[in-house]
Amino acid sequence: MLVNGRTASCRQKTDAEMTPIQLYTYQTPNGHKASIMPEETGLPYEVHVVDIEKGVQHSPPFLALNPNNKIPV
């Protein structure tokens, strides 16, 4: 395959080479939906629970990820 005048490899990375997706979520329908794609495709991902009942979505570290203070991120 030629990309920008260079030959590019189409080799897929192994699980050991992939950086896991960081999923910030909570136990809500939308939170569950976000985990379906990586689960079905076998992509590595790490779940970080955002306790929206305690208001964690309003904390500065979470707002740096999503200024709209919504999950999933």
PDB file of N, CA and C in Angstrom:
ATOM      1  N   MET A   1       0.840  -1.165   0.000  1.00  0.00           N
ATOM      2  CA  MET A   1       0.000   0.000   0.000  1.00  0.00           C
ATOM      3  C   MET A   1       0.893   1.237   0.000  1.00  0.00           C
ATOM      4  N   LEU A   2       0.517   2.246  -0.754  1.00  0.00           N
ATOM      5  CA  LEU A   2       1.301   3.467  -0.862  1.00  0.00           C
ATOM      6  C   LEU A   2       0.562   4.592  -0.135  1.00  0.00           C
ATOM      7  N   VAL A   3       1.217   5.207   0.841  1.00  0.00           N
ATOM      8  CA  VAL A   3       0.635   6.311   1.601  1.00  0.00           C
ATOM      9  C   VAL A   3       1.625   7.459   1.576  1.00  0.00           C
ATOM     10  N   ASN A   4       1.195   8.607   1.057  1.00  0.00           N
ATOM     11  CA  ASN A   4       2.059   9.786   0.969  1.00  0.00           C
ATOM     12  C   ASN A   4       3.391   9.464   0.292  1.00  0.00           C
ATOM     13  N   GLY A   5       3.346   8.662  -0.760  1.00  0.00           N
ATOM     14  CA  GLY A   5       4.546   8.326  -1.497  1.00  0.00           C
ATOM     15  C   GLY A   5       5.440   7.302  -0.816  1.00  0.00           C
ATOM     16  N   ARG A   6       4.973   6.711   0.284  1.00  0.00           N
ATOM     17  CA  ARG A   6       5.763   5.723   1.003  1.00  0.00           C
ATOM     18  C   ARG A   6       4.993   4.415   1.083  1.00  0.00           C
ATOM     19  N   THR A   7       5.705   3.349   1.168  1.00  0.00           N
ATOM     20  CA  THR A   7       5.064   2.054   1.323  1.00  0.00           C
ATOM     21  C   THR A   7       4.687   1.869   2.782  1.00  0.00           C
ATOM     22  N   ALA A   8       3.413   1.561   3.019  1.00  0.00           N
ATOM     23  CA  ALA A   8       2.927   1.366   4.380  1.00  0.00           C
ATOM     24  C   ALA A   8       2.589  -0.099   4.600  1.00  0.00           C
ATOM     25  N   SER A   9       2.824  -0.539   5.778  1.00  0.00           N
ATOM     26  CA  SER A   9       2.527  -1.922   6.134  1.00  0.00           C
ATOM     27  C   SER A   9       1.064  -2.040   6.544  1.00  0.00           C
ATOM     28  N   CYS A  10       0.421  -3.115   6.139  1.00  0.00           N
ATOM     29  CA  CYS A  10      -0.969  -3.368   6.502  1.00  0.00           C
ATOM     30  C   CYS A  10      -1.062  -4.383   7.639  1.00  0.00           C
ATOM     31  N   ARG A  11       0.064  -4.703   8.235  1.00  0.00           N
ATOM     32  CA  ARG A  11       0.091  -5.682   9.311  1.00  0.00           C
ATOM     33  C   ARG A  11      -0.685  -5.164  10.519  1.00  0.00           C
ATOM     34  N   GLN A  12      -1.543  -6.009  11.063  1.00  0.00           N
ATOM     35  CA  GLN A  12      -2.286  -5.628  12.259  1.00  0.00           C
ATOM     36  C   GLN A  12      -1.412  -5.816  13.481  1.00  0.00           C
ATOM     37  N   LYS A  13      -1.581  -4.925  14.444  1.00  0.00           N
ATOM     38  CA  LYS A  13      -0.830  -5.040  15.683  1.00  0.00           C
ATOM     39  C   LYS A  13      -1.406  -6.165  16.532  1.00  0.00           C
ATOM     40  N   THR A  14      -0.559  -6.796  17.291  1.00  0.00           N
ATOM     41  CA  THR A  14      -1.014  -7.815  18.223  1.00  0.00           C
ATOM     42  C   THR A  14      -1.532  -7.122  19.484  1.00  0.00           C
ATOM     43  N   ASP A  15      -2.248  -7.857  20.316  1.00  0.00           N
ATOM     44  CA  ASP A  15      -2.765  -7.288  21.560  1.00  0.00           C
ATOM     45  C   ASP A  15      -1.645  -6.704  22.421  1.00  0.00           C
ATOM     46  N   ALA A  16      -0.492  -7.350  22.402  1.00  0.00           N
ATOM     47  CA  ALA A  16       0.630  -6.872  23.205  1.00  0.00           C
ATOM     48  C   ALA A  16       1.148  -5.532  22.703  1.00  0.00           C
ATOM     49  N   GLU A  17       0.975  -5.225  21.418  1.00  0.00           N
ATOM     50  CA  GLU A  17       1.459  -3.974  20.831  1.00  0.00           C
ATOM     51  C   GLU A  17       0.441  -2.842  20.940  1.00  0.00           C
ATOM     52  N   MET A  18      -0.819  -3.160  21.201  1.00  0.00           N
ATOM     53  CA  MET A  18      -1.874  -2.147  21.210  1.00  0.00           C
ATOM     54  C   MET A  18      -1.974  -1.445  22.563  1.00  0.00           C
ATOM     55  N   THR A  19      -2.172  -0.144  22.513  1.00  0.00           N
ATOM     56  CA  THR A  19      -2.429   0.616  23.724  1.00  0.00           C
ATOM     57  C   THR A  19      -3.918   0.471  24.035  1.00  0.00           C
ATOM     58  N   PRO A  20      -4.267   0.047  25.230  1.00  0.00           N
ATOM     59  CA  PRO A  20      -5.682  -0.146  25.537  1.00  0.00           C
ATOM     60  C   PRO A  20      -6.474   1.159  25.473  1.00  0.00           C
ATOM     61  N   ILE A  21      -7.694   1.061  25.011  1.00  0.00           N
ATOM     62  CA  ILE A  21      -8.622   2.188  25.036  1.00  0.00           C
ATOM     63  C   ILE A  21      -8.957   2.463  26.499  1.00  0.00           C
ATOM     64  N   GLN A  22      -8.971   3.721  26.867  1.00  0.00           N
ATOM     65  CA  GLN A  22      -9.330   4.109  28.230  1.00  0.00           C
ATOM     66  C   GLN A  22     -10.804   4.505  28.226  1.00  0.00           C
ATOM     67  N   LEU A  23     -11.647   3.720  28.872  1.00  0.00           N
ATOM     68  CA  LEU A  23     -13.092   3.945  28.878  1.00  0.00           C
ATOM     69  C   LEU A  23     -13.521   4.423  30.252  1.00  0.00           C
ATOM     70  N   TYR A  24     -14.000   5.649  30.328  1.00  0.00           N
ATOM     71  CA  TYR A  24     -14.519   6.227  31.562  1.00  0.00           C
ATOM     72  C   TYR A  24     -16.030   6.135  31.492  1.00  0.00           C
ATOM     73  N   THR A  25     -16.639   5.396  32.425  1.00  0.00           N
ATOM     74  CA  THR A  25     -18.058   5.087  32.305  1.00  0.00           C
ATOM     75  C   THR A  25     -18.684   4.832  33.667  1.00  0.00           C
ATOM     76  N   TYR A  26     -19.991   4.591  33.662  1.00  0.00           N
ATOM     77  CA  TYR A  26     -20.741   4.245  34.861  1.00  0.00           C
ATOM     78  C   TYR A  26     -21.829   3.259  34.461  1.00  0.00           C
ATOM     79  N   GLN A  27     -22.536   2.729  35.441  1.00  0.00           N
ATOM     80  CA  GLN A  27     -23.539   1.699  35.206  1.00  0.00           C
ATOM     81  C   GLN A  27     -24.852   2.303  34.702  1.00  0.00           C
ATOM     82  N   THR A  28     -24.822   2.821  33.483  1.00  0.00           N
ATOM     83  CA  THR A  28     -26.021   3.374  32.847  1.00  0.00           C
ATOM     84  C   THR A  28     -26.146   2.729  31.471  1.00  0.00           C
ATOM     85  N   PRO A  29     -27.314   2.823  30.838  1.00  0.00           N
ATOM     86  CA  PRO A  29     -27.439   2.253  29.487  1.00  0.00           C
ATOM     87  C   PRO A  29     -26.394   2.788  28.511  1.00  0.00           C
ATOM     88  N   ASN A  30     -26.158   4.091  28.511  1.00  0.00           N
ATOM     89  CA  ASN A  30     -25.143   4.642  27.603  1.00  0.00           C
ATOM     90  C   ASN A  30     -23.743   4.188  27.990  1.00  0.00           C
ATOM     91  N   GLY A  31     -23.495   4.032  29.263  1.00  0.00           N
ATOM     92  CA  GLY A  31     -22.201   3.538  29.706  1.00  0.00           C
ATOM     93  C   GLY A  31     -21.941   2.114  29.242  1.00  0.00           C
ATOM     94  N   HIS A  32     -22.978   1.295  29.263  1.00  0.00           N
ATOM     95  CA  HIS A  32     -22.832  -0.087  28.790  1.00  0.00           C
ATOM     96  C   HIS A  32     -22.633  -0.149  27.279  1.00  0.00           C
ATOM     97  N   LYS A  33     -23.313   0.706  26.549  1.00  0.00           N
ATOM     98  CA  LYS A  33     -23.202   0.702  25.078  1.00  0.00           C
ATOM     99  C   LYS A  33     -21.767   0.938  24.626  1.00  0.00           C
ATOM    100  N   ALA A  34     -21.052   1.796  25.338  1.00  0.00           N
ATOM    101  CA  ALA A  34     -19.686   2.141  24.929  1.00  0.00           C
ATOM    102  C   ALA A  34     -18.728   0.965  25.027  1.00  0.00           C
ATOM    103  N   SER A  35     -19.033  -0.008  25.874  1.00  0.00           N
ATOM    104  CA  SER A  35     -18.129  -1.152  26.025  1.00  0.00           C
ATOM    105  C   SER A  35     -18.409  -2.262  25.013  1.00  0.00           C
ATOM    106  N   ILE A  36     -19.492  -2.164  24.273  1.00  0.00           N
ATOM    107  CA  ILE A  36     -19.856  -3.232  23.332  1.00  0.00           C
ATOM    108  C   ILE A  36     -18.843  -3.356  22.200  1.00  0.00           C
ATOM    109  N   MET A  37     -18.459  -2.241  21.583  1.00  0.00           N
ATOM    110  CA  MET A  37     -17.557  -2.300  20.427  1.00  0.00           C
ATOM    111  C   MET A  37     -16.205  -2.923  20.766  1.00  0.00           C
ATOM    112  N   PRO A  38     -15.498  -2.452  21.805  1.00  0.00           N
ATOM    113  CA  PRO A  38     -14.208  -3.095  22.074  1.00  0.00           C
ATOM    114  C   PRO A  38     -14.365  -4.552  22.511  1.00  0.00           C
ATOM    115  N   GLU A  39     -15.455  -4.857  23.177  1.00  0.00           N
ATOM    116  CA  GLU A  39     -15.693  -6.235  23.605  1.00  0.00           C
ATOM    117  C   GLU A  39     -15.907  -7.151  22.401  1.00  0.00           C
ATOM    118  N   GLU A  40     -16.721  -6.707  21.451  1.00  0.00           N
ATOM    119  CA  GLU A  40     -17.033  -7.519  20.267  1.00  0.00           C
ATOM    120  C   GLU A  40     -15.850  -7.647  19.308  1.00  0.00           C
ATOM    121  N   THR A  41     -15.025  -6.596  19.225  1.00  0.00           N
ATOM    122  CA  THR A  41     -13.896  -6.632  18.289  1.00  0.00           C
ATOM    123  C   THR A  41     -12.627  -7.183  18.913  1.00  0.00           C
ATOM    124  N   GLY A  42     -12.636  -7.364  20.230  1.00  0.00           N
ATOM    125  CA  GLY A  42     -11.461  -7.886  20.897  1.00  0.00           C
ATOM    126  C   GLY A  42     -10.382  -6.849  21.154  1.00  0.00           C
ATOM    127  N   LEU A  43     -10.710  -5.573  20.986  1.00  0.00           N
ATOM    128  CA  LEU A  43      -9.734  -4.519  21.264  1.00  0.00           C
ATOM    129  C   LEU A  43      -9.487  -4.429  22.768  1.00  0.00           C
ATOM    130  N   PRO A  44      -8.248  -4.238  23.162  1.00  0.00           N
ATOM    131  CA  PRO A  44      -7.987  -4.107  24.598  1.00  0.00           C
ATOM    132  C   PRO A  44      -8.522  -2.775  25.115  1.00  0.00           C
ATOM    133  N   TYR A  45      -9.143  -2.820  26.292  1.00  0.00           N
ATOM    134  CA  TYR A  45      -9.619  -1.578  26.897  1.00  0.00           C
ATOM    135  C   TYR A  45      -9.590  -1.701  28.405  1.00  0.00           C
ATOM    136  N   GLU A  46      -9.490  -0.556  29.055  1.00  0.00           N
ATOM    137  CA  GLU A  46      -9.474  -0.479  30.510  1.00  0.00           C
ATOM    138  C   GLU A  46     -10.636   0.390  30.941  1.00  0.00           C
ATOM    139  N   VAL A  47     -11.394  -0.095  31.912  1.00  0.00           N
ATOM    140  CA  VAL A  47     -12.571   0.626  32.393  1.00  0.00           C
ATOM    141  C   VAL A  47     -12.202   1.427  33.640  1.00  0.00           C
ATOM    142  N   HIS A  48     -12.619   2.679  33.644  1.00  0.00           N
ATOM    143  CA  HIS A  48     -12.473   3.554  34.801  1.00  0.00           C
ATOM    144  C   HIS A  48     -13.892   3.966  35.203  1.00  0.00           C
ATOM    145  N   VAL A  49     -14.300   3.599  36.410  1.00  0.00           N
ATOM    146  CA  VAL A  49     -15.657   3.903  36.865  1.00  0.00           C
ATOM    147  C   VAL A  49     -15.724   5.358  37.318  1.00  0.00           C
ATOM    148  N   VAL A  50     -16.699   6.091  36.767  1.00  0.00           N
ATOM    149  CA  VAL A  50     -16.947   7.486  37.126  1.00  0.00           C
ATOM    150  C   VAL A  50     -18.266   7.485  37.901  1.00  0.00           C
ATOM    151  N   ASP A  51     -18.196   7.634  39.208  1.00  0.00           N
ATOM    152  CA  ASP A  51     -19.392   7.555  40.052  1.00  0.00           C
ATOM    153  C   ASP A  51     -20.197   8.848  39.931  1.00  0.00           C
ATOM    154  N   ILE A  52     -21.149   8.850  39.023  1.00  0.00           N
ATOM    155  CA  ILE A  52     -21.954  10.059  38.786  1.00  0.00           C
ATOM    156  C   ILE A  52     -22.905  10.338  39.951  1.00  0.00           C
ATOM    157  N   GLU A  53     -23.168   9.348  40.781  1.00  0.00           N
ATOM    158  CA  GLU A  53     -24.019   9.571  41.960  1.00  0.00           C
ATOM    159  C   GLU A  53     -23.284  10.395  43.012  1.00  0.00           C
ATOM    160  N   LYS A  54     -21.955  10.355  43.004  1.00  0.00           N
ATOM    161  CA  LYS A  54     -21.142  11.153  43.931  1.00  0.00           C
ATOM    162  C   LYS A  54     -20.655  12.445  43.291  1.00  0.00           C
ATOM    163  N   GLY A  55     -20.983  12.658  42.015  1.00  0.00           N
ATOM    164  CA  GLY A  55     -20.605  13.890  41.334  1.00  0.00           C
ATOM    165  C   GLY A  55     -19.186  13.924  40.803  1.00  0.00           C
ATOM    166  N   VAL A  56     -18.579  12.767  40.645  1.00  0.00           N
ATOM    167  CA  VAL A  56     -17.190  12.703  40.160  1.00  0.00           C
ATOM    168  C   VAL A  56     -17.050  13.341  38.777  1.00  0.00           C
ATOM    169  N   GLN A  57     -18.122  13.356  37.986  1.00  0.00           N
ATOM    170  CA  GLN A  57     -18.064  13.926  36.637  1.00  0.00           C
ATOM    171  C   GLN A  57     -17.848  15.445  36.660  1.00  0.00           C
ATOM    172  N   HIS A  58     -17.967  16.063  37.837  1.00  0.00           N
ATOM    173  CA  HIS A  58     -17.740  17.508  37.962  1.00  0.00           C
ATOM    174  C   HIS A  58     -16.341  17.840  38.468  1.00  0.00           C
ATOM    175  N   SER A  59     -15.516  16.822  38.712  1.00  0.00           N
ATOM    176  CA  SER A  59     -14.161  17.054  39.230  1.00  0.00           C
ATOM    177  C   SER A  59     -13.248  17.555  38.110  1.00  0.00           C
ATOM    178  N   PRO A  60     -12.260  18.375  38.444  1.00  0.00           N
ATOM    179  CA  PRO A  60     -11.335  18.892  37.425  1.00  0.00           C
ATOM    180  C   PRO A  60     -10.658  17.809  36.572  1.00  0.00           C
ATOM    181  N   PRO A  61     -10.194  16.680  37.166  1.00  0.00           N
ATOM    182  CA  PRO A  61      -9.569  15.669  36.299  1.00  0.00           C
ATOM    183  C   PRO A  61     -10.538  15.109  35.247  1.00  0.00           C
ATOM    184  N   PHE A  62     -11.801  14.899  35.623  1.00  0.00           N
ATOM    185  CA  PHE A  62     -12.749  14.388  34.640  1.00  0.00           C
ATOM    186  C   PHE A  62     -13.116  15.463  33.624  1.00  0.00           C
ATOM    187  N   LEU A  63     -13.272  16.697  34.065  1.00  0.00           N
ATOM    188  CA  LEU A  63     -13.605  17.789  33.140  1.00  0.00           C
ATOM    189  C   LEU A  63     -12.486  18.020  32.126  1.00  0.00           C
ATOM    190  N   ALA A  64     -11.258  17.652  32.474  1.00  0.00           N
ATOM    191  CA  ALA A  64     -10.157  17.749  31.510  1.00  0.00           C
ATOM    192  C   ALA A  64     -10.342  16.737  30.381  1.00  0.00           C
ATOM    193  N   LEU A  65     -10.992  15.610  30.682  1.00  0.00           N
ATOM    194  CA  LEU A  65     -11.281  14.597  29.655  1.00  0.00           C
ATOM    195  C   LEU A  65     -12.498  14.975  28.828  1.00  0.00           C
ATOM    196  N   ASN A  66     -13.530  15.489  29.503  1.00  0.00           N
ATOM    197  CA  ASN A  66     -14.770  15.853  28.823  1.00  0.00           C
ATOM    198  C   ASN A  66     -15.375  17.079  29.507  1.00  0.00           C
ATOM    199  N   PRO A  67     -15.211  18.263  28.936  1.00  0.00           N
ATOM    200  CA  PRO A  67     -15.745  19.486  29.536  1.00  0.00           C
ATOM    201  C   PRO A  67     -17.264  19.500  29.650  1.00  0.00           C
ATOM    202  N   ASN A  68     -17.948  18.595  28.953  1.00  0.00           N
ATOM    203  CA  ASN A  68     -19.409  18.521  29.046  1.00  0.00           C
ATOM    204  C   ASN A  68     -19.869  17.681  30.233  1.00  0.00           C
ATOM    205  N   ASN A  69     -18.971  17.168  31.013  1.00  0.00           N
ATOM    206  CA  ASN A  69     -19.184  16.334  32.199  1.00  0.00           C
ATOM    207  C   ASN A  69     -20.179  15.196  31.981  1.00  0.00           C
ATOM    208  N   LYS A  70     -20.081  14.534  30.856  1.00  0.00           N
ATOM    209  CA  LYS A  70     -20.952  13.400  30.511  1.00  0.00           C
ATOM    210  C   LYS A  70     -20.122  12.131  30.357  1.00  0.00           C
ATOM    211  N   ILE A  71     -20.742  11.002  30.663  1.00  0.00           N
ATOM    212  CA  ILE A  71     -20.118   9.713  30.395  1.00  0.00           C
ATOM    213  C   ILE A  71     -20.868   9.092  29.231  1.00  0.00           C
ATOM    214  N   PRO A  72     -20.309   8.183  28.491  1.00  0.00           N
ATOM    215  CA  PRO A  72     -18.951   7.658  28.582  1.00  0.00           C
ATOM    216  C   PRO A  72     -17.946   8.551  27.865  1.00  0.00           C
ATOM    217  N   VAL A  73     -16.692   8.403  28.277  1.00  0.00           N
ATOM    218  CA  VAL A  73     -15.567   9.113  27.645  1.00  0.00           C
ATOM    219  C   VAL A  73     -14.554   8.068  27.248  1.00  0.00           C
TER     220      VAL A  73
END
